[in-house]
N, C-alpha and C. Protein backbone atom coordinates (compact mmCIF):
# COMPACT_ATOMS: atom_id res chain seq x y z
N MET A 1 -8.15 -0.85 24.48
CA MET A 1 -7.98 -1.36 23.15
C MET A 1 -6.52 -1.14 22.72
N LYS A 2 -5.97 -2.10 22.01
CA LYS A 2 -4.61 -2.01 21.51
C LYS A 2 -4.67 -1.56 20.05
N ILE A 3 -4.08 -0.40 19.78
CA ILE A 3 -4.19 0.25 18.48
C ILE A 3 -2.81 0.44 17.86
N GLY A 4 -2.67 -0.01 16.62
CA GLY A 4 -1.44 0.20 15.87
C GLY A 4 -1.56 1.47 15.05
N LEU A 5 -0.62 2.36 15.21
CA LEU A 5 -0.60 3.62 14.47
C LEU A 5 0.35 3.48 13.29
N TYR A 6 -0.20 3.61 12.11
CA TYR A 6 0.57 3.50 10.88
C TYR A 6 0.66 4.90 10.29
N PHE A 7 1.80 5.56 10.53
CA PHE A 7 2.01 6.94 10.10
C PHE A 7 2.50 6.97 8.66
N GLY A 8 2.11 8.02 7.94
CA GLY A 8 2.63 8.16 6.59
C GLY A 8 2.08 9.38 5.88
N SER A 9 2.74 9.72 4.79
CA SER A 9 2.24 10.80 3.94
C SER A 9 1.07 10.28 3.11
N PHE A 10 1.13 9.00 2.74
CA PHE A 10 0.09 8.38 1.93
C PHE A 10 -0.24 9.28 0.74
N ASN A 11 0.77 9.48 -0.10
CA ASN A 11 0.71 10.50 -1.16
C ASN A 11 0.88 9.90 -2.55
N PRO A 12 -0.05 9.06 -3.06
CA PRO A 12 -1.33 8.66 -2.48
C PRO A 12 -1.23 7.31 -1.76
N VAL A 13 -2.29 6.99 -1.03
CA VAL A 13 -2.41 5.67 -0.44
C VAL A 13 -2.48 4.65 -1.58
N HIS A 14 -1.83 3.51 -1.40
CA HIS A 14 -1.87 2.47 -2.43
C HIS A 14 -2.08 1.10 -1.81
N ILE A 15 -2.16 0.10 -2.66
CA ILE A 15 -2.49 -1.25 -2.24
C ILE A 15 -1.45 -1.79 -1.26
N GLY A 16 -0.18 -1.40 -1.40
CA GLY A 16 0.86 -1.85 -0.47
C GLY A 16 0.59 -1.36 0.94
N HIS A 17 0.19 -0.09 1.10
CA HIS A 17 -0.16 0.44 2.42
C HIS A 17 -1.30 -0.36 3.04
N LEU A 18 -2.31 -0.63 2.23
CA LEU A 18 -3.50 -1.31 2.73
C LEU A 18 -3.21 -2.76 3.11
N ILE A 19 -2.35 -3.40 2.33
CA ILE A 19 -1.97 -4.79 2.66
C ILE A 19 -1.22 -4.83 3.98
N ILE A 20 -0.33 -3.88 4.21
CA ILE A 20 0.42 -3.85 5.47
C ILE A 20 -0.53 -3.61 6.65
N ALA A 21 -1.44 -2.65 6.52
CA ALA A 21 -2.40 -2.37 7.60
C ALA A 21 -3.25 -3.60 7.89
N ASN A 22 -3.74 -4.24 6.85
CA ASN A 22 -4.59 -5.42 7.02
C ASN A 22 -3.80 -6.59 7.61
N TYR A 23 -2.56 -6.76 7.15
CA TYR A 23 -1.71 -7.83 7.67
C TYR A 23 -1.44 -7.62 9.16
N ALA A 24 -1.13 -6.39 9.54
CA ALA A 24 -0.87 -6.09 10.96
C ALA A 24 -2.09 -6.41 11.80
N LEU A 25 -3.25 -6.08 11.31
CA LEU A 25 -4.49 -6.34 12.03
C LEU A 25 -4.76 -7.85 12.15
N ASN A 26 -4.55 -8.58 11.07
CA ASN A 26 -4.87 -10.00 11.04
C ASN A 26 -3.84 -10.90 11.70
N SER A 27 -2.60 -10.46 11.82
CA SER A 27 -1.55 -11.36 12.28
C SER A 27 -0.95 -10.99 13.64
N THR A 28 -1.56 -10.01 14.32
CA THR A 28 -1.04 -9.59 15.62
C THR A 28 -2.20 -9.49 16.60
N ASP A 29 -1.90 -9.00 17.79
CA ASP A 29 -2.95 -8.79 18.79
C ASP A 29 -3.53 -7.37 18.73
N LEU A 30 -3.20 -6.63 17.66
CA LEU A 30 -3.78 -5.30 17.50
C LEU A 30 -5.28 -5.43 17.23
N GLN A 31 -6.05 -4.55 17.85
CA GLN A 31 -7.50 -4.59 17.66
C GLN A 31 -7.97 -3.60 16.60
N GLN A 32 -7.17 -2.57 16.38
CA GLN A 32 -7.44 -1.61 15.32
C GLN A 32 -6.11 -1.09 14.77
N VAL A 33 -6.16 -0.63 13.53
CA VAL A 33 -5.04 0.08 12.93
C VAL A 33 -5.57 1.44 12.49
N TRP A 34 -4.87 2.49 12.92
CA TRP A 34 -5.20 3.84 12.49
C TRP A 34 -4.12 4.28 11.51
N MET A 35 -4.53 4.61 10.30
CA MET A 35 -3.61 5.13 9.30
C MET A 35 -3.57 6.65 9.49
N VAL A 36 -2.48 7.11 10.09
CA VAL A 36 -2.34 8.51 10.49
C VAL A 36 -1.70 9.31 9.34
N VAL A 37 -2.49 10.20 8.76
CA VAL A 37 -2.00 11.05 7.67
C VAL A 37 -1.12 12.14 8.28
N SER A 38 0.14 12.16 7.88
CA SER A 38 1.08 13.17 8.37
C SER A 38 1.05 14.37 7.43
N PRO A 39 0.63 15.53 7.93
CA PRO A 39 0.60 16.72 7.06
C PRO A 39 1.98 17.09 6.54
N GLN A 40 3.00 16.95 7.42
CA GLN A 40 4.36 17.31 7.01
C GLN A 40 5.36 16.48 7.80
N ASN A 41 5.99 15.55 7.11
CA ASN A 41 7.02 14.71 7.71
C ASN A 41 8.32 15.53 7.74
N PRO A 42 8.94 15.69 8.91
CA PRO A 42 10.15 16.51 8.98
C PRO A 42 11.33 15.94 8.20
N LEU A 43 11.28 14.66 7.84
CA LEU A 43 12.39 14.04 7.13
C LEU A 43 12.15 13.93 5.62
N LYS A 44 11.02 14.48 5.14
CA LYS A 44 10.71 14.42 3.71
C LYS A 44 10.43 15.81 3.18
N LYS A 45 10.75 16.01 1.90
CA LYS A 45 10.40 17.27 1.24
C LYS A 45 8.90 17.28 0.99
N SER A 46 8.29 18.43 1.18
CA SER A 46 6.83 18.50 1.04
C SER A 46 6.40 19.05 -0.32
N GLY A 47 7.32 19.27 -1.24
CA GLY A 47 7.02 19.87 -2.53
C GLY A 47 5.96 19.16 -3.34
N SER A 48 5.97 17.82 -3.36
CA SER A 48 5.02 17.08 -4.18
C SER A 48 3.83 16.56 -3.38
N LEU A 49 3.66 17.05 -2.15
CA LEU A 49 2.57 16.58 -1.31
C LEU A 49 1.23 17.16 -1.74
N LEU A 50 0.27 16.29 -1.92
CA LEU A 50 -1.10 16.71 -2.12
C LEU A 50 -1.60 17.27 -0.79
N ASN A 51 -2.53 18.18 -0.82
CA ASN A 51 -3.13 18.73 0.39
C ASN A 51 -3.52 17.59 1.35
N GLU A 52 -3.27 17.79 2.65
CA GLU A 52 -3.52 16.71 3.62
C GLU A 52 -4.99 16.26 3.66
N TYR A 53 -5.92 17.19 3.43
CA TYR A 53 -7.34 16.80 3.45
C TYR A 53 -7.68 15.94 2.23
N SER A 54 -7.03 16.19 1.11
CA SER A 54 -7.24 15.36 -0.07
C SER A 54 -6.66 13.97 0.16
N ARG A 55 -5.47 13.90 0.78
CA ARG A 55 -4.87 12.60 1.08
C ARG A 55 -5.72 11.82 2.07
N LEU A 56 -6.27 12.53 3.07
CA LEU A 56 -7.17 11.89 4.03
C LEU A 56 -8.39 11.35 3.31
N HIS A 57 -8.97 12.14 2.42
CA HIS A 57 -10.15 11.71 1.66
C HIS A 57 -9.85 10.44 0.86
N LEU A 58 -8.66 10.37 0.25
CA LEU A 58 -8.31 9.19 -0.52
C LEU A 58 -8.22 7.95 0.38
N ILE A 59 -7.68 8.11 1.58
CA ILE A 59 -7.62 6.96 2.51
C ILE A 59 -9.03 6.58 2.96
N GLN A 60 -9.85 7.56 3.28
CA GLN A 60 -11.23 7.27 3.67
C GLN A 60 -11.96 6.53 2.55
N THR A 61 -11.71 6.94 1.33
CA THR A 61 -12.31 6.27 0.16
C THR A 61 -11.83 4.82 0.09
N ALA A 62 -10.53 4.62 0.29
CA ALA A 62 -9.95 3.27 0.24
C ALA A 62 -10.49 2.37 1.34
N LEU A 63 -10.80 2.95 2.50
CA LEU A 63 -11.21 2.17 3.67
C LEU A 63 -12.72 2.07 3.85
N GLU A 64 -13.47 2.53 2.87
CA GLU A 64 -14.92 2.49 2.99
C GLU A 64 -15.38 1.06 3.28
N GLY A 65 -16.18 0.91 4.32
CA GLY A 65 -16.68 -0.41 4.72
C GLY A 65 -15.79 -1.14 5.71
N GLU A 66 -14.59 -0.61 5.99
CA GLU A 66 -13.69 -1.21 6.97
C GLU A 66 -14.10 -0.75 8.37
N TYR A 67 -13.96 -1.63 9.35
CA TYR A 67 -14.32 -1.25 10.71
C TYR A 67 -13.12 -1.16 11.64
N ASN A 68 -12.09 -1.93 11.36
CA ASN A 68 -10.95 -1.97 12.27
C ASN A 68 -9.70 -1.30 11.72
N ILE A 69 -9.79 -0.77 10.51
CA ILE A 69 -8.72 0.06 9.95
C ILE A 69 -9.36 1.41 9.67
N LYS A 70 -8.79 2.45 10.25
CA LYS A 70 -9.39 3.77 10.17
C LYS A 70 -8.39 4.81 9.68
N ALA A 71 -8.90 5.82 9.00
CA ALA A 71 -8.08 6.97 8.61
C ALA A 71 -8.08 7.95 9.78
N SER A 72 -6.93 8.52 10.07
CA SER A 72 -6.83 9.46 11.18
C SER A 72 -6.21 10.78 10.74
N LYS A 73 -6.84 11.87 11.18
CA LYS A 73 -6.31 13.21 10.91
C LYS A 73 -5.80 13.85 12.20
N ILE A 74 -5.41 13.04 13.16
CA ILE A 74 -5.01 13.52 14.47
C ILE A 74 -3.87 14.54 14.38
N GLU A 75 -2.97 14.38 13.42
CA GLU A 75 -1.83 15.31 13.32
C GLU A 75 -2.19 16.64 12.67
N PHE A 76 -3.39 16.75 12.11
CA PHE A 76 -3.79 18.00 11.46
C PHE A 76 -3.88 19.14 12.46
N ASN A 77 -4.20 18.82 13.71
CA ASN A 77 -4.39 19.84 14.74
C ASN A 77 -3.16 20.02 15.63
N LEU A 78 -2.08 19.34 15.31
CA LEU A 78 -0.85 19.43 16.10
C LEU A 78 0.15 20.31 15.35
N PRO A 79 1.15 20.85 16.07
CA PRO A 79 2.16 21.69 15.40
C PRO A 79 2.87 20.94 14.27
N LYS A 80 3.25 21.70 13.24
CA LYS A 80 3.95 21.11 12.11
C LYS A 80 5.40 21.57 12.13
N PRO A 81 6.34 20.75 11.72
CA PRO A 81 6.14 19.42 11.17
C PRO A 81 5.68 18.43 12.23
N SER A 82 5.20 17.29 11.77
CA SER A 82 4.66 16.26 12.66
C SER A 82 5.78 15.37 13.19
N TYR A 83 5.84 15.25 14.50
CA TYR A 83 6.80 14.34 15.13
C TYR A 83 6.03 13.22 15.81
N THR A 84 6.42 11.99 15.51
CA THR A 84 5.72 10.82 16.03
C THR A 84 5.59 10.86 17.55
N ILE A 85 6.65 11.21 18.24
CA ILE A 85 6.61 11.21 19.71
C ILE A 85 5.60 12.22 20.23
N ASP A 86 5.46 13.37 19.57
CA ASP A 86 4.47 14.37 20.00
C ASP A 86 3.06 13.84 19.80
N THR A 87 2.83 13.17 18.69
CA THR A 87 1.52 12.59 18.41
C THR A 87 1.19 11.51 19.43
N LEU A 88 2.15 10.66 19.73
CA LEU A 88 1.94 9.60 20.72
C LEU A 88 1.62 10.18 22.10
N THR A 89 2.34 11.22 22.48
CA THR A 89 2.10 11.88 23.77
C THR A 89 0.69 12.45 23.81
N TYR A 90 0.29 13.11 22.73
CA TYR A 90 -1.05 13.69 22.64
C TYR A 90 -2.13 12.59 22.73
N LEU A 91 -1.94 11.52 21.98
CA LEU A 91 -2.93 10.43 21.99
C LEU A 91 -3.04 9.76 23.36
N LYS A 92 -1.91 9.60 24.02
CA LYS A 92 -1.90 8.99 25.35
C LYS A 92 -2.68 9.85 26.34
N GLU A 93 -2.56 11.18 26.20
CA GLU A 93 -3.32 12.10 27.06
C GLU A 93 -4.81 12.07 26.74
N GLN A 94 -5.14 12.04 25.44
CA GLN A 94 -6.54 12.08 25.01
C GLN A 94 -7.27 10.76 25.21
N PHE A 95 -6.56 9.64 25.06
CA PHE A 95 -7.17 8.31 25.13
C PHE A 95 -6.37 7.41 26.08
N PRO A 96 -6.36 7.73 27.39
CA PRO A 96 -5.54 6.94 28.32
C PRO A 96 -5.99 5.48 28.43
N GLN A 97 -7.21 5.19 28.00
CA GLN A 97 -7.72 3.82 28.08
C GLN A 97 -7.15 2.92 26.98
N HIS A 98 -6.51 3.50 25.95
CA HIS A 98 -5.97 2.71 24.85
C HIS A 98 -4.46 2.54 24.98
N GLN A 99 -3.98 1.45 24.41
CA GLN A 99 -2.54 1.21 24.31
C GLN A 99 -2.16 1.44 22.85
N PHE A 100 -1.23 2.35 22.61
CA PHE A 100 -0.82 2.68 21.25
C PHE A 100 0.54 2.07 20.92
N CYS A 101 0.65 1.53 19.71
CA CYS A 101 1.87 0.95 19.19
C CYS A 101 2.15 1.61 17.85
N VAL A 102 3.35 1.43 17.35
CA VAL A 102 3.73 2.06 16.08
C VAL A 102 4.07 0.99 15.05
N ILE A 103 3.47 1.14 13.86
CA ILE A 103 3.76 0.27 12.72
C ILE A 103 4.67 1.05 11.79
N LEU A 104 5.83 0.48 11.46
CA LEU A 104 6.73 1.19 10.56
C LEU A 104 7.57 0.22 9.76
N GLY A 105 8.09 0.70 8.65
CA GLY A 105 8.93 -0.11 7.79
C GLY A 105 10.35 -0.23 8.31
N SER A 106 11.03 -1.27 7.87
CA SER A 106 12.42 -1.48 8.29
C SER A 106 13.32 -0.35 7.80
N ASP A 107 12.92 0.35 6.73
CA ASP A 107 13.69 1.51 6.27
C ASP A 107 13.59 2.65 7.28
N SER A 108 12.41 2.84 7.84
CA SER A 108 12.23 3.87 8.88
C SER A 108 12.96 3.49 10.16
N LEU A 109 12.92 2.21 10.51
CA LEU A 109 13.63 1.75 11.71
C LEU A 109 15.13 2.01 11.57
N ALA A 110 15.65 1.82 10.36
CA ALA A 110 17.09 2.05 10.13
C ALA A 110 17.46 3.52 10.35
N ASN A 111 16.49 4.42 10.22
CA ASN A 111 16.75 5.86 10.41
C ASN A 111 16.12 6.42 11.68
N ILE A 112 15.70 5.56 12.58
CA ILE A 112 14.95 6.03 13.74
C ILE A 112 15.79 6.95 14.64
N ASN A 113 17.09 6.82 14.57
CA ASN A 113 17.95 7.68 15.39
C ASN A 113 17.87 9.15 14.95
N LYS A 114 17.24 9.44 13.82
CA LYS A 114 17.05 10.81 13.35
C LYS A 114 15.72 11.40 13.85
N TRP A 115 14.91 10.57 14.48
CA TRP A 115 13.59 10.99 14.95
C TRP A 115 13.72 11.76 16.26
N LYS A 116 12.81 12.68 16.48
CA LYS A 116 12.77 13.44 17.73
C LYS A 116 12.52 12.50 18.90
N ASN A 117 13.32 12.59 19.94
CA ASN A 117 13.19 11.78 21.16
C ASN A 117 13.04 10.29 20.86
N TYR A 118 13.79 9.81 19.87
CA TYR A 118 13.63 8.43 19.44
C TYR A 118 13.92 7.43 20.56
N GLN A 119 14.86 7.74 21.43
CA GLN A 119 15.21 6.80 22.51
C GLN A 119 14.01 6.56 23.42
N PHE A 120 13.32 7.62 23.78
CA PHE A 120 12.11 7.49 24.60
C PHE A 120 11.04 6.70 23.85
N LEU A 121 10.88 6.99 22.58
CA LEU A 121 9.86 6.32 21.77
C LEU A 121 10.10 4.81 21.75
N ILE A 122 11.33 4.40 21.46
CA ILE A 122 11.59 2.96 21.33
C ILE A 122 11.60 2.23 22.67
N GLU A 123 11.77 2.97 23.76
CA GLU A 123 11.72 2.35 25.08
C GLU A 123 10.30 2.25 25.62
N GLN A 124 9.43 3.16 25.20
CA GLN A 124 8.08 3.25 25.78
C GLN A 124 6.97 2.65 24.92
N TYR A 125 7.24 2.46 23.63
CA TYR A 125 6.18 2.00 22.73
C TYR A 125 6.59 0.74 21.98
N GLU A 126 5.63 -0.16 21.88
CA GLU A 126 5.84 -1.39 21.12
C GLU A 126 5.85 -1.06 19.63
N LEU A 127 6.80 -1.67 18.90
CA LEU A 127 6.95 -1.41 17.48
C LEU A 127 6.60 -2.67 16.67
N TYR A 128 5.89 -2.48 15.59
CA TYR A 128 5.59 -3.53 14.63
C TYR A 128 6.28 -3.14 13.33
N ILE A 129 7.26 -3.94 12.93
CA ILE A 129 8.11 -3.60 11.79
C ILE A 129 7.79 -4.51 10.61
N TYR A 130 7.49 -3.88 9.46
CA TYR A 130 7.34 -4.65 8.23
C TYR A 130 8.60 -4.44 7.40
N LYS A 131 9.00 -5.50 6.72
CA LYS A 131 10.24 -5.46 5.96
C LYS A 131 10.08 -4.65 4.68
N ARG A 132 11.14 -3.91 4.37
CA ARG A 132 11.22 -3.15 3.12
C ARG A 132 12.45 -3.64 2.37
N PRO A 133 12.37 -3.72 1.05
CA PRO A 133 13.52 -4.21 0.28
C PRO A 133 14.79 -3.41 0.59
N GLY A 134 15.87 -4.15 0.84
CA GLY A 134 17.15 -3.52 1.09
C GLY A 134 17.40 -3.10 2.53
N PHE A 135 16.43 -3.35 3.42
CA PHE A 135 16.58 -2.96 4.83
C PHE A 135 16.22 -4.14 5.73
N GLY A 136 17.23 -4.68 6.41
CA GLY A 136 16.98 -5.73 7.37
C GLY A 136 16.42 -5.14 8.66
N VAL A 137 15.97 -6.01 9.54
CA VAL A 137 15.44 -5.56 10.82
C VAL A 137 16.44 -5.93 11.90
N LYS A 138 16.99 -4.92 12.54
CA LYS A 138 17.94 -5.15 13.63
C LYS A 138 17.21 -4.95 14.95
N LYS A 139 17.36 -5.90 15.84
CA LYS A 139 16.79 -5.75 17.18
C LYS A 139 17.57 -4.66 17.91
N ILE A 140 16.86 -3.89 18.71
CA ILE A 140 17.48 -2.83 19.48
C ILE A 140 17.26 -3.17 20.95
N ALA A 141 18.33 -3.21 21.71
CA ALA A 141 18.24 -3.56 23.12
C ALA A 141 17.24 -2.64 23.84
N GLY A 142 16.42 -3.23 24.69
CA GLY A 142 15.48 -2.45 25.49
C GLY A 142 14.20 -2.09 24.77
N THR A 143 13.98 -2.67 23.58
CA THR A 143 12.77 -2.35 22.83
C THR A 143 11.93 -3.61 22.63
N LEU A 144 10.66 -3.40 22.42
CA LEU A 144 9.77 -4.50 22.09
C LEU A 144 9.44 -4.37 20.61
N ILE A 145 10.13 -5.16 19.79
CA ILE A 145 9.96 -5.12 18.35
C ILE A 145 9.33 -6.42 17.89
N ASN A 146 8.24 -6.27 17.13
CA ASN A 146 7.57 -7.40 16.51
C ASN A 146 7.79 -7.28 15.01
N ILE A 147 8.23 -8.37 14.40
CA ILE A 147 8.48 -8.34 12.96
C ILE A 147 7.27 -8.91 12.23
N LEU A 148 6.75 -8.12 11.30
CA LEU A 148 5.61 -8.55 10.49
C LEU A 148 6.14 -9.14 9.18
N ASP A 149 5.74 -10.35 8.89
CA ASP A 149 6.14 -10.97 7.62
C ASP A 149 5.11 -10.67 6.55
N ALA A 150 4.77 -9.39 6.43
CA ALA A 150 3.80 -8.95 5.44
C ALA A 150 4.37 -9.16 4.04
N PRO A 151 3.50 -9.41 3.06
CA PRO A 151 4.00 -9.56 1.68
C PRO A 151 4.79 -8.34 1.24
N LEU A 152 5.90 -8.57 0.58
CA LEU A 152 6.74 -7.48 0.07
C LEU A 152 6.27 -7.07 -1.32
N LEU A 153 5.81 -5.86 -1.42
CA LEU A 153 5.40 -5.31 -2.71
C LEU A 153 6.23 -4.07 -2.97
N GLU A 154 6.90 -4.03 -4.09
CA GLU A 154 7.71 -2.85 -4.40
C GLU A 154 6.86 -1.83 -5.14
N ILE A 155 5.88 -1.30 -4.42
CA ILE A 155 5.02 -0.24 -4.94
C ILE A 155 5.30 0.98 -4.08
N SER A 156 5.46 2.11 -4.72
CA SER A 156 5.65 3.33 -3.94
C SER A 156 4.73 4.42 -4.46
N SER A 157 4.43 5.36 -3.59
CA SER A 157 3.61 6.51 -3.99
C SER A 157 4.34 7.33 -5.05
N THR A 158 5.67 7.42 -4.93
CA THR A 158 6.47 8.15 -5.92
C THR A 158 6.30 7.53 -7.30
N TYR A 159 6.35 6.21 -7.37
CA TYR A 159 6.18 5.49 -8.63
C TYR A 159 4.80 5.80 -9.23
N ILE A 160 3.77 5.77 -8.38
CA ILE A 160 2.41 6.04 -8.84
C ILE A 160 2.30 7.49 -9.35
N ARG A 161 2.86 8.44 -8.61
CA ARG A 161 2.81 9.84 -9.04
C ARG A 161 3.52 10.02 -10.39
N ASN A 162 4.64 9.33 -10.56
CA ASN A 162 5.37 9.44 -11.83
C ASN A 162 4.56 8.85 -12.99
N LEU A 163 3.88 7.73 -12.76
CA LEU A 163 3.03 7.15 -13.80
C LEU A 163 1.94 8.13 -14.20
N ILE A 164 1.34 8.77 -13.21
CA ILE A 164 0.27 9.75 -13.49
C ILE A 164 0.81 10.88 -14.34
N LYS A 165 1.98 11.41 -13.97
CA LYS A 165 2.59 12.52 -14.72
C LYS A 165 2.88 12.12 -16.17
N GLU A 166 3.21 10.84 -16.36
CA GLU A 166 3.53 10.34 -17.70
C GLU A 166 2.28 9.90 -18.47
N GLY A 167 1.12 10.01 -17.83
CA GLY A 167 -0.13 9.62 -18.48
C GLY A 167 -0.31 8.12 -18.61
N LYS A 168 0.34 7.36 -17.76
CA LYS A 168 0.26 5.90 -17.81
C LYS A 168 -0.75 5.37 -16.79
N SER A 169 -1.11 4.12 -16.95
CA SER A 169 -2.12 3.50 -16.09
C SER A 169 -1.61 3.25 -14.67
N ILE A 170 -2.46 3.54 -13.70
CA ILE A 170 -2.16 3.24 -12.29
C ILE A 170 -3.10 2.15 -11.76
N ARG A 171 -3.85 1.57 -12.68
CA ARG A 171 -4.80 0.53 -12.29
C ARG A 171 -4.06 -0.62 -11.62
N TYR A 172 -4.69 -1.22 -10.65
CA TYR A 172 -4.20 -2.36 -9.86
C TYR A 172 -3.17 -1.97 -8.82
N LEU A 173 -2.69 -0.72 -8.82
CA LEU A 173 -1.72 -0.28 -7.82
C LEU A 173 -2.39 0.31 -6.59
N LEU A 174 -3.64 0.70 -6.75
CA LEU A 174 -4.42 1.25 -5.65
C LEU A 174 -5.87 0.86 -5.86
N PRO A 175 -6.68 0.98 -4.82
CA PRO A 175 -8.09 0.61 -4.99
C PRO A 175 -8.72 1.41 -6.13
N GLU A 176 -9.64 0.78 -6.84
CA GLU A 176 -10.31 1.42 -7.97
C GLU A 176 -10.97 2.74 -7.56
N SER A 177 -11.54 2.76 -6.36
CA SER A 177 -12.21 3.98 -5.88
C SER A 177 -11.20 5.13 -5.71
N VAL A 178 -9.99 4.82 -5.27
CA VAL A 178 -8.95 5.83 -5.11
C VAL A 178 -8.47 6.29 -6.48
N LYS A 179 -8.28 5.36 -7.39
CA LYS A 179 -7.88 5.69 -8.77
C LYS A 179 -8.91 6.65 -9.38
N ASP A 180 -10.18 6.34 -9.21
CA ASP A 180 -11.25 7.18 -9.76
C ASP A 180 -11.20 8.60 -9.18
N GLU A 181 -10.97 8.71 -7.88
CA GLU A 181 -10.89 10.04 -7.22
C GLU A 181 -9.70 10.83 -7.74
N ILE A 182 -8.57 10.17 -7.91
CA ILE A 182 -7.36 10.83 -8.42
C ILE A 182 -7.62 11.36 -9.83
N GLU A 183 -8.23 10.53 -10.66
CA GLU A 183 -8.50 10.93 -12.05
C GLU A 183 -9.55 12.03 -12.11
N LYS A 184 -10.60 11.91 -11.31
CA LYS A 184 -11.69 12.89 -11.31
C LYS A 184 -11.19 14.27 -10.89
N ASN A 185 -10.25 14.31 -9.94
CA ASN A 185 -9.75 15.58 -9.40
C ASN A 185 -8.43 16.04 -10.02
N ASN A 186 -7.95 15.28 -11.02
CA ASN A 186 -6.68 15.61 -11.68
C ASN A 186 -5.51 15.77 -10.71
N TYR A 187 -5.46 14.90 -9.69
CA TYR A 187 -4.37 14.94 -8.75
C TYR A 187 -3.08 14.47 -9.39
N TYR A 188 -1.97 15.06 -8.98
CA TYR A 188 -0.61 14.66 -9.35
C TYR A 188 -0.27 14.90 -10.82
N ARG A 189 -1.03 15.68 -11.52
CA ARG A 189 -0.73 15.97 -12.94
C ARG A 189 0.20 17.14 -13.06
């Protein structure tokens, strides 16, 4: 099976994340998309991160009834911080029958040279790149890059967290079920 791994903090998961995952599934030869919750991204500050199990629960809530888009906690059992190449190596060992690819934004691609063993990653794994405002997609020699023309939505988890802190509505920015869970548990207040 060909599986696209969509890594992220998902703090919280929002409609933009889900649109990208669904678009990748519907417009490529990927058979599944796994939304991999990263407990600790080495390139981001973890100060405002909700507990990883709570973030996983929010994604599971958002994906209820989905069969080909799944929430993954694979990085929860790996050393922290989470490095994409380590996760890919682990998955390849655990599931040799599957082909794993990476779904990432053009902003992440622009900074990929800061990633651990990035040269090996881009040479060994197929990349699916969705465009982010302000970041073009540059082809890199020796890599297999597929550009996703997913709808551009300028929604961010930071924006949603700030709205919550200000007591403003987050409706329509994330699935209603996720909004309800955030409100019920007083997340991000």
